[in-house]
Protein backbone atom coordinates (compact mmCIF):
# COMPACT_ATOMS: atom_id res chain seq x y z
CA MET A 1 118.87 109.29 135.67
CA SER A 2 118.49 105.48 135.14
CA GLU A 3 121.43 103.56 137.12
CA ARG A 4 121.19 101.11 134.63
CA THR A 5 121.82 103.26 131.81
CA GLY A 6 123.86 106.29 133.52
CA CYS A 7 121.32 108.43 131.18
CA LEU A 8 118.57 110.09 131.16
CA VAL A 9 115.90 107.87 129.36
CA ILE A 10 112.81 109.10 127.40
CA ASP A 11 110.24 106.85 125.51
CA ALA A 12 109.33 108.58 122.50
CA ASP A 13 106.48 106.07 121.80
CA GLY A 14 105.00 104.68 124.46
CA HIS A 15 100.99 103.63 124.33
CA VAL A 16 97.79 103.79 126.87
CA ILE A 17 94.98 101.07 126.39
CA GLU A 18 91.66 103.00 126.35
CA ARG A 19 89.25 100.70 128.32
CA PRO A 20 86.02 100.43 126.64
CA ASP A 21 83.98 101.83 129.57
CA MET A 22 86.02 105.20 129.86
CA TRP A 23 83.91 106.19 126.69
CA ALA A 24 80.58 106.60 128.74
CA GLU A 25 82.33 108.98 130.82
CA TYR A 26 84.19 111.23 128.59
CA VAL A 27 82.16 111.25 125.46
CA GLU A 28 79.89 114.34 125.07
CA PRO A 29 76.40 112.72 125.78
CA GLU A 30 74.79 113.14 122.54
CA PHE A 31 77.74 111.45 120.98
CA LEU A 32 77.78 108.31 122.97
CA GLY A 33 75.65 105.98 121.76
CA ARG A 34 78.13 106.07 118.57
CA ALA A 35 81.29 106.18 120.57
CA PRO A 36 83.74 102.89 120.41
CA ARG A 37 82.76 99.85 121.78
CA MET A 38 84.31 96.12 121.23
CA VAL A 39 82.10 93.78 119.38
CA ALA A 40 82.94 90.33 117.32
CA ASP A 41 82.68 91.05 113.39
CA GLU A 42 80.54 88.79 110.73
CA ASN A 43 83.15 86.12 111.11
CA GLY A 44 83.53 86.26 115.22
CA HIS A 45 86.54 88.29 115.29
CA GLY A 46 87.09 91.08 117.43
CA ALA A 47 86.68 94.76 115.98
CA GLN A 48 85.92 97.84 117.01
CA LEU A 49 82.81 99.31 116.20
CA ILE A 50 82.41 103.41 116.03
CA GLY A 51 79.13 104.90 114.95
CA ASP A 52 78.24 102.43 111.99
CA GLY A 53 81.87 101.44 110.61
CA LEU A 54 83.88 98.51 111.79
CA THR A 55 87.47 99.33 112.45
CA GLY A 56 90.46 97.80 113.63
CA ARG A 57 90.02 94.13 112.85
CA ILE A 58 93.29 93.76 111.41
CA ALA A 59 95.24 95.22 114.57
CA VAL A 60 93.36 93.51 116.64
CA GLU A 61 93.98 90.44 114.62
CA VAL A 62 97.46 90.53 114.86
CA SER A 63 97.87 91.59 118.37
CA SER A 64 96.10 88.63 119.29
CA ARG A 65 98.16 86.21 117.62
CA VAL A 66 101.72 87.30 119.16
CA GLU A 67 103.88 84.24 119.84
CA ARG A 68 106.49 85.89 121.91
CA ALA A 69 104.09 86.16 124.56
CA THR A 70 100.36 85.83 125.33
CA ILE A 71 97.97 88.65 125.69
CA ASP A 72 97.48 88.21 129.27
CA GLU A 73 101.49 88.39 130.07
CA ILE A 74 102.14 91.67 127.90
CA GLY A 75 99.27 92.99 125.98
CA ALA A 76 96.88 93.48 128.98
CA ARG A 77 99.70 94.92 131.37
CA THR A 78 97.18 97.18 133.53
CA GLY A 79 100.07 100.37 133.07
CA GLY A 80 98.30 100.91 129.74
CA TRP A 81 95.27 102.18 131.62
CA ASP A 82 96.38 102.55 135.30
CA PRO A 83 99.40 105.43 135.24
CA LYS A 84 100.45 104.57 138.85
CA VAL A 85 101.40 101.02 137.60
CA ARG A 86 102.78 102.37 134.39
CA LEU A 87 104.93 104.58 136.60
CA GLN A 88 105.97 101.42 138.66
CA ASP A 89 106.72 99.96 134.97
CA MET A 90 108.59 102.50 134.24
CA ASP A 91 111.19 102.49 137.15
CA ALA A 92 111.59 99.23 136.95
CA GLU A 93 112.90 99.27 133.35
CA GLY A 94 114.74 102.44 134.26
CA ILE A 95 112.45 104.46 132.01
CA ASP A 96 112.62 108.81 133.21
CA ILE A 97 109.66 109.87 131.04
CA ALA A 98 106.74 108.14 128.34
CA VAL A 99 105.21 109.88 125.65
CA LEU A 100 101.83 109.02 124.89
CA PHE A 101 99.97 107.77 122.30
CA PRO A 102 96.84 105.75 121.71
CA SER A 103 96.05 101.99 120.61
CA MET A 104 92.36 101.59 119.49
CA SER A 105 91.60 105.38 118.94
CA PHE A 106 93.95 105.11 116.15
CA PHE A 107 90.80 104.02 114.13
CA VAL A 108 89.24 107.26 115.47
CA CYS A 109 90.17 109.26 112.23
CA GLU A 110 88.28 106.40 110.17
CA VAL A 111 84.55 107.53 110.86
CA ALA A 112 82.87 109.28 108.46
CA ASP A 113 81.37 111.92 110.51
CA PRO A 114 83.68 114.80 111.20
CA GLU A 115 81.34 115.89 114.01
CA LEU A 116 81.91 112.60 115.52
CA ASP A 117 85.51 112.23 114.82
CA ALA A 118 86.15 115.72 116.68
CA ALA A 119 84.09 115.01 119.64
CA LEU A 120 85.61 111.41 120.21
CA CYS A 121 89.04 112.93 119.87
CA ARG A 122 88.08 115.49 122.50
CA ALA A 123 86.81 112.55 125.15
CA TYR A 124 90.13 110.64 124.34
CA ASN A 125 92.55 114.20 125.05
CA ASN A 126 90.40 114.36 128.10
CA TRP A 127 90.88 111.14 129.28
CA LEU A 128 94.78 111.18 128.35
CA SER A 129 95.39 114.22 130.28
CA ASP A 130 93.83 112.81 133.69
CA TYR A 131 95.61 109.66 133.10
CA CYS A 132 98.88 112.36 132.43
CA ALA A 133 97.68 114.30 135.83
CA THR A 134 99.39 111.57 138.24
CA SER A 135 102.91 112.70 136.92
CA ARG A 136 102.91 115.00 134.02
CA ASP A 137 106.92 115.68 134.58
CA ARG A 138 107.11 112.14 133.77
CA LEU A 139 104.00 111.40 131.46
CA ALA A 140 103.51 113.66 128.27
CA GLY A 141 100.56 113.65 125.99
CA VAL A 142 100.44 113.87 122.35
CA ALA A 143 97.08 115.13 120.80
CA LEU A 144 94.68 113.29 118.78
CA LEU A 145 93.20 115.84 116.68
CA PRO A 146 90.07 115.69 113.93
CA LEU A 147 92.16 115.77 110.96
CA GLN A 148 88.94 115.85 108.30
CA ASP A 149 88.49 119.21 109.63
CA VAL A 150 92.10 121.24 109.50
CA ASP A 151 90.48 123.88 111.75
CA ALA A 152 88.97 122.07 114.14
CA SER A 153 92.15 120.39 114.31
CA VAL A 154 94.21 123.80 115.03
CA THR A 155 91.27 124.32 118.21
CA GLU A 156 92.19 121.35 119.71
CA LEU A 157 95.73 121.34 119.00
CA GLU A 158 95.52 125.10 121.02
CA ARG A 159 93.18 123.48 123.66
CA CYS A 160 95.63 120.33 124.31
CA VAL A 161 98.73 122.39 124.54
CA GLU A 162 97.36 125.11 126.25
CA ARG A 163 95.11 123.40 129.22
CA PHE A 164 96.89 120.00 129.24
CA GLY A 165 100.80 120.62 128.60
CA PHE A 166 100.84 118.28 125.52
CA ARG A 167 103.78 118.25 123.46
CA GLY A 168 102.64 117.24 120.13
CA ALA A 169 100.36 116.41 117.67
CA PHE A 170 99.39 113.05 116.25
CA PHE A 171 98.94 112.07 112.60
CA ARG A 172 98.78 108.68 110.83
CA PRO A 173 100.61 108.84 107.68
CA ASN A 174 97.37 107.46 105.45
CA PRO A 175 95.68 110.12 103.85
CA TYR A 176 92.38 111.35 105.75
CA ALA A 177 89.55 112.84 103.61
CA GLY A 178 91.94 112.37 100.26
CA ARG A 179 94.72 114.52 101.62
CA SER A 180 98.25 113.67 102.42
CA ILE A 181 100.32 114.68 104.59
CA GLN A 182 101.75 117.19 102.33
CA HIS A 183 98.29 118.68 101.11
CA PRO A 184 98.54 122.82 101.21
CA ALA A 185 95.15 122.44 103.31
CA TYR A 186 97.25 121.90 106.58
CA GLU A 187 99.28 124.36 106.37
CA PRO A 188 97.49 126.49 109.57
CA LEU A 189 98.27 123.81 111.42
CA TRP A 190 101.86 123.62 110.65
CA THR A 191 102.02 127.22 111.55
CA ARG A 192 100.12 126.73 114.82
CA ALA A 193 102.15 123.44 115.98
CA GLU A 194 105.43 125.51 115.09
CA ASP A 195 104.25 128.84 117.19
CA LEU A 196 103.14 126.51 120.01
CA GLY A 197 106.34 124.84 120.04
CA VAL A 198 104.97 121.35 119.68
CA ALA A 199 105.95 118.12 117.42
CA ILE A 200 103.83 116.18 114.65
CA THR A 201 104.29 112.40 115.02
CA VAL A 202 103.66 110.58 112.48
CA HIS A 203 102.69 106.71 113.30
CA GLU A 204 100.57 103.92 111.14
CA GLY A 205 97.90 101.89 112.94
CA LEU A 206 97.20 99.15 109.99
CA SER A 207 93.87 100.77 108.75
CA ASP A 208 90.49 99.09 107.92
CA SER A 209 89.61 101.60 105.75
CA LEU A 210 92.43 104.50 105.15
CA PRO A 211 94.13 103.99 101.73
CA THR A 212 97.17 102.03 102.92
CA LEU A 213 100.25 100.85 100.67
CA ALA A 214 100.25 97.60 99.66
CA ARG A 215 96.64 96.83 100.93
CA ASP A 216 95.85 96.07 97.09
CA ARG A 217 98.91 93.40 96.96
CA PHE A 218 98.67 91.54 100.04
CA GLU A 219 95.42 89.54 102.30
CA ASN A 220 97.67 88.35 105.20
CA PRO A 221 97.37 90.75 108.14
CA ILE A 222 101.46 90.31 108.66
CA SER A 223 102.23 91.05 105.34
CA LEU A 224 100.04 94.14 105.40
CA HIS A 225 101.49 94.79 109.27
CA ILE A 226 105.26 94.44 107.66
CA CYS A 227 104.43 96.90 104.47
CA SER A 228 102.06 99.45 106.08
CA HIS A 229 104.29 100.44 108.88
CA SER A 230 107.18 101.25 107.01
CA PHE A 231 105.97 102.10 103.71
CA GLU A 232 103.36 104.68 104.76
CA GLN A 233 106.41 106.24 106.62
CA MET A 234 108.63 106.39 104.17
CA ALA A 235 106.00 107.92 101.81
CA ALA A 236 105.09 110.38 104.85
CA CYS A 237 108.67 111.66 105.08
CA LEU A 238 109.20 111.98 101.46
CA GLY A 239 106.45 114.35 101.22
CA VAL A 240 107.06 116.23 104.14
CA LEU A 241 111.12 116.76 102.37
CA GLN A 242 109.79 117.20 98.93
CA SER A 243 107.11 119.70 99.76
CA GLY A 244 108.73 122.67 101.28
CA ILE A 245 107.25 121.99 104.75
CA LEU A 246 110.51 122.47 106.65
CA GLU A 247 111.36 125.32 104.49
CA ARG A 248 108.29 127.25 105.30
CA HIS A 249 108.52 125.99 108.80
CA PRO A 250 112.32 125.85 109.94
CA ARG A 251 111.38 125.43 113.85
CA LEU A 252 108.47 122.73 113.19
CA HIS A 253 109.82 119.18 114.18
CA PHE A 254 108.44 115.74 112.78
CA ALA A 255 108.85 112.43 114.23
CA PHE A 256 108.38 109.01 112.43
CA LEU A 257 107.59 106.12 114.83
CA GLU A 258 106.86 102.62 115.00
CA SER A 259 108.74 101.76 111.45
CA GLY A 260 112.26 101.07 112.25
CA CYS A 261 114.83 103.07 111.52
CA GLY A 262 116.84 100.88 108.88
CA TRP A 263 115.01 102.50 105.99
CA LEU A 264 116.33 106.01 106.85
CA PRO A 265 119.72 105.79 105.43
CA TYR A 266 118.59 104.17 101.96
CA TRP A 267 115.79 106.66 101.52
CA LEU A 268 117.49 109.96 102.49
CA GLU A 269 119.90 108.72 99.72
CA ARG A 270 117.43 108.13 97.23
CA ILE A 271 115.45 111.28 97.57
CA ASP A 272 119.08 113.19 97.51
CA GLY A 273 119.50 111.45 94.09
CA HIS A 274 116.77 112.96 92.51
CA TYR A 275 117.44 115.98 94.15
CA GLU A 276 120.27 116.18 92.43
CA THR A 277 119.03 115.07 89.16
CA TRP A 278 115.98 116.28 88.78
CA ARG A 279 115.87 119.63 91.07
CA SER A 280 113.17 121.09 89.16
CA TYR A 281 110.71 118.93 90.96
CA PHE A 282 111.90 120.23 94.35
CA PRO A 283 110.83 123.82 93.78
CA SER A 284 110.33 124.76 97.31
CA LEU A 285 113.49 123.87 98.68
CA SER A 286 116.54 125.47 99.30
CA MET A 287 119.11 122.46 100.50
CA LYS A 288 119.60 118.81 100.26
CA PRO A 289 116.14 117.00 101.53
CA SER A 290 118.45 114.95 103.95
CA ASP A 291 119.80 118.39 105.45
CA TYR A 292 116.22 118.77 106.42
CA PHE A 293 115.60 115.71 107.92
CA ARG A 294 118.93 116.42 109.74
CA ARG A 295 117.81 119.62 111.06
CA GLN A 296 114.32 119.04 111.82
CA CYS A 297 112.69 115.41 111.56
CA PHE A 298 113.84 112.00 114.23
CA ILE A 299 113.07 108.38 113.70
CA ALA A 300 112.73 106.06 116.58
CA CYS A 301 114.52 102.73 116.87
CA ASP A 302 113.03 99.77 118.87
CA PRO A 303 114.21 98.13 121.88
CA ASP A 304 115.23 95.14 119.81
CA ASP A 305 116.28 97.13 116.23
CA ALA A 306 119.75 95.64 115.18
CA LEU A 307 120.39 98.53 112.29
CA THR A 308 120.21 101.52 114.97
CA ASN A 309 124.42 101.48 114.92
CA SER A 310 124.29 101.39 110.99
CA VAL A 311 121.74 104.54 110.75
CA VAL A 312 123.82 106.23 113.23
CA THR A 313 126.94 105.69 111.07
CA ALA A 314 125.28 107.05 108.10
CA VAL A 315 122.59 109.19 108.72
CA GLY A 316 124.06 110.90 112.40
CA ASP A 317 122.91 110.54 116.10
CA ASP A 318 120.84 113.67 116.43
CA CYS A 319 117.86 112.35 114.85
CA VAL A 320 117.46 108.85 116.42
CA VAL A 321 114.72 108.30 119.86
CA TRP A 322 114.15 105.45 121.35
CA ALA A 323 110.53 104.19 121.83
CA SER A 324 109.51 101.02 124.17
CA ASP A 325 106.03 100.20 122.20
CA TYR A 326 105.00 99.29 125.83
CA PRO A 327 102.28 97.87 126.50
CA HIS A 328 101.38 96.23 123.05
CA PRO A 329 101.95 92.67 122.88
CA ASP A 330 104.88 92.84 120.45
CA SER A 331 106.84 95.05 123.18
CA HIS A 332 109.62 93.68 124.97
CA PHE A 333 108.34 93.88 128.90
CA PRO A 334 109.34 93.03 131.14
CA GLY A 335 113.04 93.58 130.24
CA THR A 336 113.13 96.23 127.46
CA MET A 337 115.99 97.77 128.74
CA ASP A 338 118.29 94.92 128.62
CA VAL A 339 116.75 94.49 124.82
CA THR A 340 118.15 97.86 124.08
CA LEU A 341 121.21 98.09 125.60
CA GLU A 342 122.08 94.43 123.67
CA SER A 343 120.67 95.81 120.45
CA MET A 344 122.93 98.97 121.34
CA LYS A 345 126.11 97.77 122.53
CA GLU A 346 127.74 98.63 119.16
CA VAL A 347 126.74 102.23 119.25
CA PRO A 348 129.07 104.95 120.95
CA LYS A 349 128.46 105.87 124.21
CA ALA A 350 127.45 109.53 123.57
CA SER A 351 125.37 108.99 120.79
CA ARG A 352 123.34 105.89 123.07
CA GLU A 353 122.94 108.94 125.62
CA LYS A 354 121.23 111.11 122.62
CA ILE A 355 118.99 108.42 121.73
CA LEU A 356 117.84 107.15 124.97
CA GLY A 357 116.93 110.62 126.10
CA THR A 358 118.24 113.94 125.36
CA ASN A 359 116.96 113.75 121.26
CA ALA A 360 113.23 113.08 122.65
CA GLN A 361 114.05 115.49 125.01
CA ARG A 362 114.69 118.20 122.33
CA LEU A 363 112.17 117.02 119.97
CA PHE A 364 108.93 117.13 122.33
CA GLY A 365 110.38 120.35 124.42
CA LEU A 366 110.79 118.63 127.60
CA ALA A 367 111.93 119.67 130.47
CA THR A 368 113.91 117.40 133.27
């Protein structure tokens, strides 16, 4: 429990940074020649080469041009790959537990070869498990899955939960292999995640190649970032709510991360309005879409999210979690908790305690 906040603090969306040399240690030998490595693209800009394809170009460019602080000051915090340093940084901010997501491994899913995709997911998950082993009661992993192959994804999720104690599965909101998140092919994965008692976490990563909303309208990288992280999450949220996934799996939790929380009240109201007027288009639902969200879904607020109190007022305080985005260059480290408490000064104390800790504890099934 943080002395600064007087309550449990769980970072529902922190990140690790996969150092390029880690792949040589963790990738199976037959796939090593196609493992991720940093290169320069045809314009001399940073990119990640996986197999024969370049990925991560837009993300690298956006990250390298953050004006609030330099990469050396924030983006390269060694806690991204050194768990001992991360724990020190967590202590300095008053964070009890961090739930961990990838950085450049966001783009593993963009490779065309399902076998390579699966091998890279195994390697990343093995490395993340070793990272979390420094303090498994404070560092919680989320499994990277080879979603081109649903059966392989189920197998990898089982391995990560049963062997490593991971507390969720990671999804990009973009379509994989032509399938959106609501596609019936994912039904075995929903069933197994529900049985295992782990969450499905949805997090955008600014793809170079996966279908991305607004890609056809903008070339400016920051315009793409503004649109992709919110619009893709809104589309994924609609898919989950309208398709009946939550009706069929009442114990399965979904979390929508790193897109701000302010869009949620408008989006739930709009979806509910269409449900009331055109209910025949929602044949799998027995209650309002927003009721399913309140029962089973969560959205993350950022440290500087000025709309958190509005979301609590409109939607309630049971479905909002807090996330730092540490150690990415647009995060607020050091000073994450100072920024957070300032942005939450209008949020009632009881609601703030839920958002900072106990909601995430329930979402991920974390023991404290």
